[in-house]
Amino acid sequence: MLQSFQYCIKFTRKFSIGINNRKHPLMATIKTVLIDISGTLSIDNKEVPGSVAALERLQKAPVDIKFVTNTTTMSKKTLYEELTQTGFDVDINEVYTALMATNDFLKRENLKPLFLLPEDSVKNDFPDFSSFDGKPNSVVVGLAPQQFSRANLNKALRILLDGGKLIATHQSRYIRAADGKLSLGPGPFVQALEYASGVRAVTIGKPNSQFFMGALDKIPPENAVMIGDDVKNDIYGAQDLGMRGYLVKTGKYLEGDENKINPRPYKVVNSFSAAVDDIVASLNK
């Protein structure tokens, strides 16, 4: 119990204080714009006002665009379809998800996973793991409320107690639900399994620096910006790597979030549209 408490204090200090003397990167030319989806472009499959038109403006600028998301409630294919149905002109190859990165990790580590993920995500994004010989030796957790039954969590616990690995697609504490209220994310369930089993989770998605590097695809971080509504996963993770972060006041944003990291976000703006206007203006200077 004491060890878990000390870990929480250590993590909180890192998140709140940041790295000593870290400053925002110099104003290098922007070559890539990473964009969060849920809470930034859309909420519950509805456009954040002005986002479709803003994306069209950004697509005319001389930058590469990548949509980066921790979303696990749907597969990449389903997510792409919902984006286009909402009105966004998106190339499916521009979408980079935590599920894709998790699939790559499972292959590299030669793991046999028990998935606590929605069936759509497992079927479409993990086709190589539909069946395997032997028992599961790992547990993959994402946002899947329907999977978090006592029976499933106990099954996951027993795998971990037998020496299995715990993989978190991400550890968001909460999300903005369809009714506009905040709801539990996968983070609390991951940490419950950590506490019960004594196994520390490997987090694959944002704010993991390797996830951002995979999205950047060899573009130096100082030549990239991140636009998102999550001050920890989107902004802190990006800026810790050397990118500039635009925190938008939509989605899961709460008043004062910008004061929870050091350095503060490069800019705090009302919406994705405002972030695009600022980026385009800087490119035209």
Protein backbone atom coordinates (compact mmCIF):
# COMPACT_ATOMS: atom_id res chain seq x y z
CA MET A 1 0.00 0.00 0.00
CA LEU A 2 2.82 2.38 0.96
CA GLN A 3 4.66 1.56 -2.26
CA SER A 4 1.58 2.33 -4.35
CA PHE A 5 1.06 5.61 -2.47
CA GLN A 6 4.70 6.62 -3.02
CA TYR A 7 4.36 5.84 -6.73
CA CYS A 8 1.25 8.04 -6.99
CA ILE A 9 3.09 10.90 -5.24
CA LYS A 10 6.08 10.50 -7.57
CA PHE A 11 3.88 10.51 -10.67
CA THR A 12 1.86 13.49 -9.47
CA ARG A 13 5.02 15.48 -8.86
CA LYS A 14 6.35 14.70 -12.32
CA PHE A 15 3.02 15.62 -13.92
CA SER A 16 2.54 18.83 -11.92
CA ILE A 17 6.11 20.10 -11.78
CA GLY A 18 7.55 18.77 -15.01
CA ILE A 19 11.23 18.73 -15.86
CA ASN A 20 13.31 21.47 -14.27
CA ASN A 21 14.12 24.38 -16.54
CA ARG A 22 12.33 22.83 -19.51
CA LYS A 23 11.33 25.51 -22.00
CA HIS A 24 9.20 25.53 -25.10
CA PRO A 25 11.11 24.62 -28.26
CA LEU A 26 12.37 27.39 -30.47
CA MET A 27 10.01 28.54 -33.18
CA ALA A 28 11.15 26.05 -35.80
CA THR A 29 9.15 25.78 -39.00
CA ILE A 30 6.01 23.70 -38.55
CA LYS A 31 6.03 20.68 -40.84
CA THR A 32 3.56 18.36 -39.12
CA VAL A 33 0.36 18.95 -37.16
CA LEU A 34 -0.86 16.17 -34.88
CA ILE A 35 -4.57 16.39 -34.06
CA ASP A 36 -6.50 14.63 -31.33
CA ILE A 37 -9.96 13.49 -32.38
CA SER A 38 -12.41 12.94 -29.53
CA GLY A 39 -13.06 16.19 -27.69
CA THR A 40 -11.04 18.21 -30.20
CA LEU A 41 -12.64 17.60 -33.59
CA SER A 42 -15.82 15.91 -32.46
CA ILE A 43 -17.75 14.84 -29.37
CA ASP A 44 -19.97 11.78 -29.57
CA ASN A 45 -19.83 11.84 -33.39
CA LYS A 46 -20.89 15.47 -33.55
CA GLU A 47 -18.59 18.16 -34.92
CA VAL A 48 -17.10 20.59 -32.47
CA PRO A 49 -18.48 23.81 -34.08
CA GLY A 50 -16.21 25.11 -36.84
CA SER A 51 -13.89 22.09 -36.91
CA VAL A 52 -14.77 20.80 -40.39
CA ALA A 53 -14.11 24.18 -42.00
CA ALA A 54 -10.96 24.64 -39.90
CA LEU A 55 -9.55 21.31 -41.07
CA GLU A 56 -10.17 22.35 -44.67
CA ARG A 57 -8.14 25.53 -44.04
CA LEU A 58 -5.32 23.56 -42.48
CA GLN A 59 -5.26 21.08 -45.36
CA LYS A 60 -4.44 23.96 -47.72
CA ALA A 61 -1.35 24.85 -45.67
CA PRO A 62 2.10 23.34 -46.43
CA VAL A 63 2.02 20.85 -43.53
CA ASP A 64 1.48 17.14 -43.05
CA ILE A 65 -1.49 16.19 -40.90
CA LYS A 66 -1.86 13.15 -38.68
CA PHE A 67 -4.87 12.32 -36.53
CA VAL A 68 -3.66 10.72 -33.31
CA THR A 69 -6.06 9.15 -30.86
CA ASN A 70 -6.23 6.98 -27.78
CA THR A 71 -9.79 6.02 -28.71
CA THR A 72 -10.41 2.31 -28.17
CA THR A 73 -14.20 2.20 -28.23
CA MET A 74 -14.08 1.59 -31.97
CA SER A 75 -11.63 0.24 -34.54
CA LYS A 76 -9.59 2.44 -36.84
CA LYS A 77 -11.93 1.57 -39.73
CA THR A 78 -15.05 2.48 -37.76
CA LEU A 79 -13.44 5.66 -36.45
CA TYR A 80 -12.51 6.71 -39.99
CA GLU A 81 -16.06 6.05 -41.21
CA GLU A 82 -17.56 8.12 -38.41
CA LEU A 83 -15.16 11.00 -39.09
CA THR A 84 -16.15 11.10 -42.77
CA GLN A 85 -19.84 10.80 -41.90
CA THR A 86 -19.43 13.76 -39.56
CA GLY A 87 -18.10 15.77 -42.50
CA PHE A 88 -14.33 15.58 -42.13
CA ASP A 89 -12.27 15.00 -45.27
CA VAL A 90 -9.80 12.46 -43.89
CA ASP A 91 -7.48 9.89 -45.47
CA ILE A 92 -7.55 6.66 -43.47
CA ASN A 93 -3.75 6.50 -43.71
CA GLU A 94 -3.58 9.76 -41.74
CA VAL A 95 -5.20 8.11 -38.72
CA TYR A 96 -2.80 6.75 -36.09
CA THR A 97 -4.35 5.02 -33.09
CA ALA A 98 -3.26 3.56 -29.78
CA LEU A 99 -4.78 0.28 -30.96
CA MET A 100 -2.38 0.18 -33.93
CA ALA A 101 0.57 0.80 -31.65
CA THR A 102 -0.68 -1.84 -29.21
CA ASN A 103 -0.98 -4.40 -32.01
CA ASP A 104 2.64 -3.73 -33.00
CA PHE A 105 3.76 -4.11 -29.39
CA LEU A 106 1.98 -7.45 -28.98
CA LYS A 107 3.68 -8.77 -32.12
CA ARG A 108 7.14 -7.59 -31.04
CA GLU A 109 6.73 -9.17 -27.60
CA ASN A 110 5.14 -12.37 -28.98
CA LEU A 111 2.28 -12.12 -26.50
CA LYS A 112 -1.01 -13.99 -26.22
CA PRO A 113 -3.51 -11.43 -24.94
CA LEU A 114 -6.77 -11.41 -23.10
CA PHE A 115 -8.54 -8.33 -24.48
CA LEU A 116 -10.64 -6.03 -22.31
CA LEU A 117 -11.63 -4.09 -25.42
CA PRO A 118 -14.79 -3.67 -27.51
CA GLU A 119 -15.41 -6.54 -29.94
CA ASP A 120 -15.24 -4.20 -32.96
CA SER A 121 -11.75 -3.09 -31.99
CA VAL A 122 -10.48 -6.63 -31.42
CA LYS A 123 -11.97 -8.00 -34.64
CA ASN A 124 -10.67 -5.25 -36.94
CA ASP A 125 -7.44 -4.08 -35.33
CA PHE A 126 -6.06 -7.35 -33.92
CA PRO A 127 -6.75 -9.97 -36.63
CA ASP A 128 -3.54 -11.90 -35.84
CA PHE A 129 -4.72 -12.55 -32.29
CA SER A 130 -8.16 -14.01 -32.97
CA SER A 131 -6.85 -17.39 -31.82
CA PHE A 132 -3.63 -18.86 -30.47
CA ASP A 133 -2.32 -21.99 -28.82
CA GLY A 134 -2.11 -22.13 -25.06
CA LYS A 135 -3.33 -19.76 -22.37
CA PRO A 136 -3.20 -15.94 -22.44
CA ASN A 137 0.00 -14.49 -20.98
CA SER A 138 -1.02 -10.84 -21.05
CA VAL A 139 -3.97 -8.51 -20.55
CA VAL A 140 -4.80 -5.56 -22.82
CA VAL A 141 -7.05 -2.89 -21.31
CA GLY A 142 -8.77 -0.04 -23.15
CA LEU A 143 -12.00 1.88 -22.70
CA ALA A 144 -14.56 -0.92 -22.75
CA PRO A 145 -17.16 -0.48 -20.00
CA GLN A 146 -19.08 -3.56 -21.13
CA GLN A 147 -15.96 -5.67 -20.54
CA PHE A 148 -15.27 -4.50 -17.00
CA SER A 149 -17.40 -7.09 -15.24
CA ARG A 150 -16.21 -8.67 -12.01
CA ALA A 151 -15.77 -12.00 -13.84
CA ASN A 152 -13.57 -10.46 -16.57
CA LEU A 153 -11.50 -8.44 -14.12
CA ASN A 154 -10.92 -11.55 -12.01
CA LYS A 155 -9.86 -13.47 -15.12
CA ALA A 156 -7.40 -10.68 -15.94
CA LEU A 157 -6.10 -10.64 -12.37
CA ARG A 158 -5.33 -14.36 -12.41
CA ILE A 159 -3.37 -14.03 -15.64
CA LEU A 160 -1.29 -11.25 -14.08
CA LEU A 161 -0.72 -13.22 -10.87
CA ASP A 162 0.59 -16.07 -13.03
CA GLY A 163 3.28 -13.75 -14.43
CA GLY A 164 1.38 -12.11 -17.30
CA LYS A 165 2.00 -8.61 -18.64
CA LEU A 166 -0.45 -5.75 -18.23
CA ILE A 167 -0.80 -3.50 -21.29
CA ALA A 168 -2.83 -0.30 -21.20
CA THR A 169 -3.78 1.21 -24.53
CA HIS A 170 -3.93 4.44 -22.51
CA GLN A 171 -4.69 5.52 -18.95
CA SER A 172 -7.05 8.46 -19.29
CA ARG A 173 -8.71 9.14 -15.95
CA TYR A 174 -11.99 10.28 -17.47
CA ILE A 175 -13.74 11.06 -20.76
CA ARG A 176 -16.54 13.39 -21.82
CA ALA A 177 -19.62 11.21 -22.27
CA ALA A 178 -22.51 11.70 -24.68
CA ASP A 179 -24.58 13.42 -21.98
CA GLY A 180 -21.86 16.06 -21.57
CA LYS A 181 -20.76 14.74 -18.20
CA LEU A 182 -17.38 13.25 -17.28
CA SER A 183 -17.21 9.47 -17.00
CA LEU A 184 -14.51 7.04 -15.91
CA GLY A 185 -11.82 6.26 -18.47
CA PRO A 186 -9.72 3.07 -18.54
CA GLY A 187 -7.05 4.47 -16.20
CA PRO A 188 -8.87 3.65 -12.93
CA PHE A 189 -9.42 0.04 -14.07
CA VAL A 190 -5.78 -0.34 -15.11
CA GLN A 191 -4.64 0.98 -11.76
CA ALA A 192 -7.04 -1.35 -9.92
CA LEU A 193 -5.40 -4.30 -11.68
CA GLU A 194 -1.95 -2.87 -10.91
CA TYR A 195 -2.83 -2.56 -7.24
CA ALA A 196 -4.35 -6.04 -6.96
CA SER A 197 -1.63 -7.87 -8.90
CA GLY A 198 1.49 -5.83 -8.15
CA VAL A 199 2.18 -5.72 -11.91
CA ARG A 200 3.06 -2.32 -13.39
CA ALA A 201 1.27 -1.61 -16.66
CA VAL A 202 2.99 -0.73 -19.93
CA THR A 203 1.13 2.25 -21.42
CA ILE A 204 1.17 2.32 -25.23
CA GLY A 205 -0.80 5.40 -26.34
CA LYS A 206 -0.48 9.07 -25.45
CA PRO A 207 1.45 10.40 -23.53
CA ASN A 208 4.04 7.69 -24.38
CA SER A 209 6.87 9.33 -26.33
CA GLN A 210 7.18 6.27 -28.59
CA PHE A 211 3.57 6.72 -29.66
CA PHE A 212 4.24 10.32 -30.67
CA MET A 213 7.45 9.33 -32.48
CA GLY A 214 5.52 6.70 -34.42
CA ALA A 215 2.99 9.33 -35.48
CA LEU A 216 5.69 11.84 -36.46
CA ASP A 217 7.38 9.28 -38.73
CA LYS A 218 10.93 10.74 -38.56
CA ILE A 219 9.82 14.40 -38.46
CA PRO A 220 11.79 16.14 -35.65
CA PRO A 221 9.52 17.03 -32.72
CA GLU A 222 10.55 20.69 -32.86
CA ASN A 223 8.94 20.84 -36.31
CA ALA A 224 5.59 19.60 -35.03
CA VAL A 225 2.65 20.82 -33.00
CA MET A 226 -0.04 18.91 -31.13
CA ILE A 227 -3.66 20.07 -30.82
CA GLY A 228 -5.74 18.42 -28.12
CA ASP A 229 -8.14 18.75 -25.19
CA ASP A 230 -6.26 16.52 -22.71
CA VAL A 231 -3.60 18.52 -20.87
CA LYS A 232 -1.78 15.39 -19.71
CA ASN A 233 -2.01 12.90 -22.58
CA ASP A 234 -2.01 15.37 -25.47
CA ILE A 235 -0.10 18.44 -24.33
CA TYR A 236 2.25 17.26 -21.59
CA GLY A 237 3.26 14.20 -23.62
CA ALA A 238 3.90 16.21 -26.78
CA GLN A 239 5.80 19.02 -25.10
CA ASP A 240 7.90 16.59 -23.06
CA LEU A 241 9.15 15.29 -26.40
CA GLY A 242 9.85 18.77 -27.77
CA MET A 243 6.70 19.66 -29.67
CA ARG A 244 4.51 22.72 -29.13
CA GLY A 245 1.08 22.07 -27.66
CA TYR A 246 -2.22 23.81 -28.32
CA LEU A 247 -4.69 23.07 -25.54
CA VAL A 248 -8.29 23.54 -26.68
CA LYS A 249 -11.09 24.43 -24.28
CA THR A 250 -13.45 21.76 -25.57
CA GLY A 251 -14.01 18.08 -24.77
CA LYS A 252 -12.59 17.04 -21.40
CA TYR A 253 -10.89 20.39 -20.75
CA LEU A 254 -11.52 21.73 -17.25
CA GLU A 255 -10.90 25.30 -16.12
CA GLY A 256 -7.32 25.63 -14.91
CA ASP A 257 -5.96 22.55 -16.72
CA GLU A 258 -3.27 24.74 -18.30
CA ASN A 259 -1.79 25.31 -14.86
CA LYS A 260 -1.29 21.61 -14.17
CA ILE A 261 1.82 21.14 -16.30
CA ASN A 262 5.20 22.84 -16.56
CA PRO A 263 5.88 24.29 -18.99
CA ARG A 264 2.33 25.44 -19.56
CA PRO A 265 0.80 24.70 -22.96
CA TYR A 266 2.41 26.67 -25.78
CA LYS A 267 -1.01 28.21 -26.32
CA VAL A 268 -4.47 27.81 -24.83
CA VAL A 269 -7.26 28.46 -27.33
CA ASN A 270 -11.02 28.20 -27.34
CA SER A 271 -11.27 25.58 -30.06
CA PHE A 272 -9.60 23.60 -32.83
CA SER A 273 -10.61 26.35 -35.24
CA ALA A 274 -8.72 28.95 -33.19
CA ALA A 275 -5.64 26.72 -33.10
CA VAL A 276 -5.71 26.34 -36.88
CA ASP A 277 -6.02 30.09 -37.37
CA ASP A 278 -2.94 30.65 -35.20
CA ILE A 279 -0.92 27.96 -36.99
CA VAL A 280 -1.81 29.22 -40.46
CA ALA A 281 -0.99 32.78 -39.42
CA SER A 282 2.44 31.69 -38.16
CA LEU A 283 3.15 29.90 -41.43
CA ASN A 284 2.35 33.06 -43.37
CA LYS A 285 4.81 35.25 -41.43
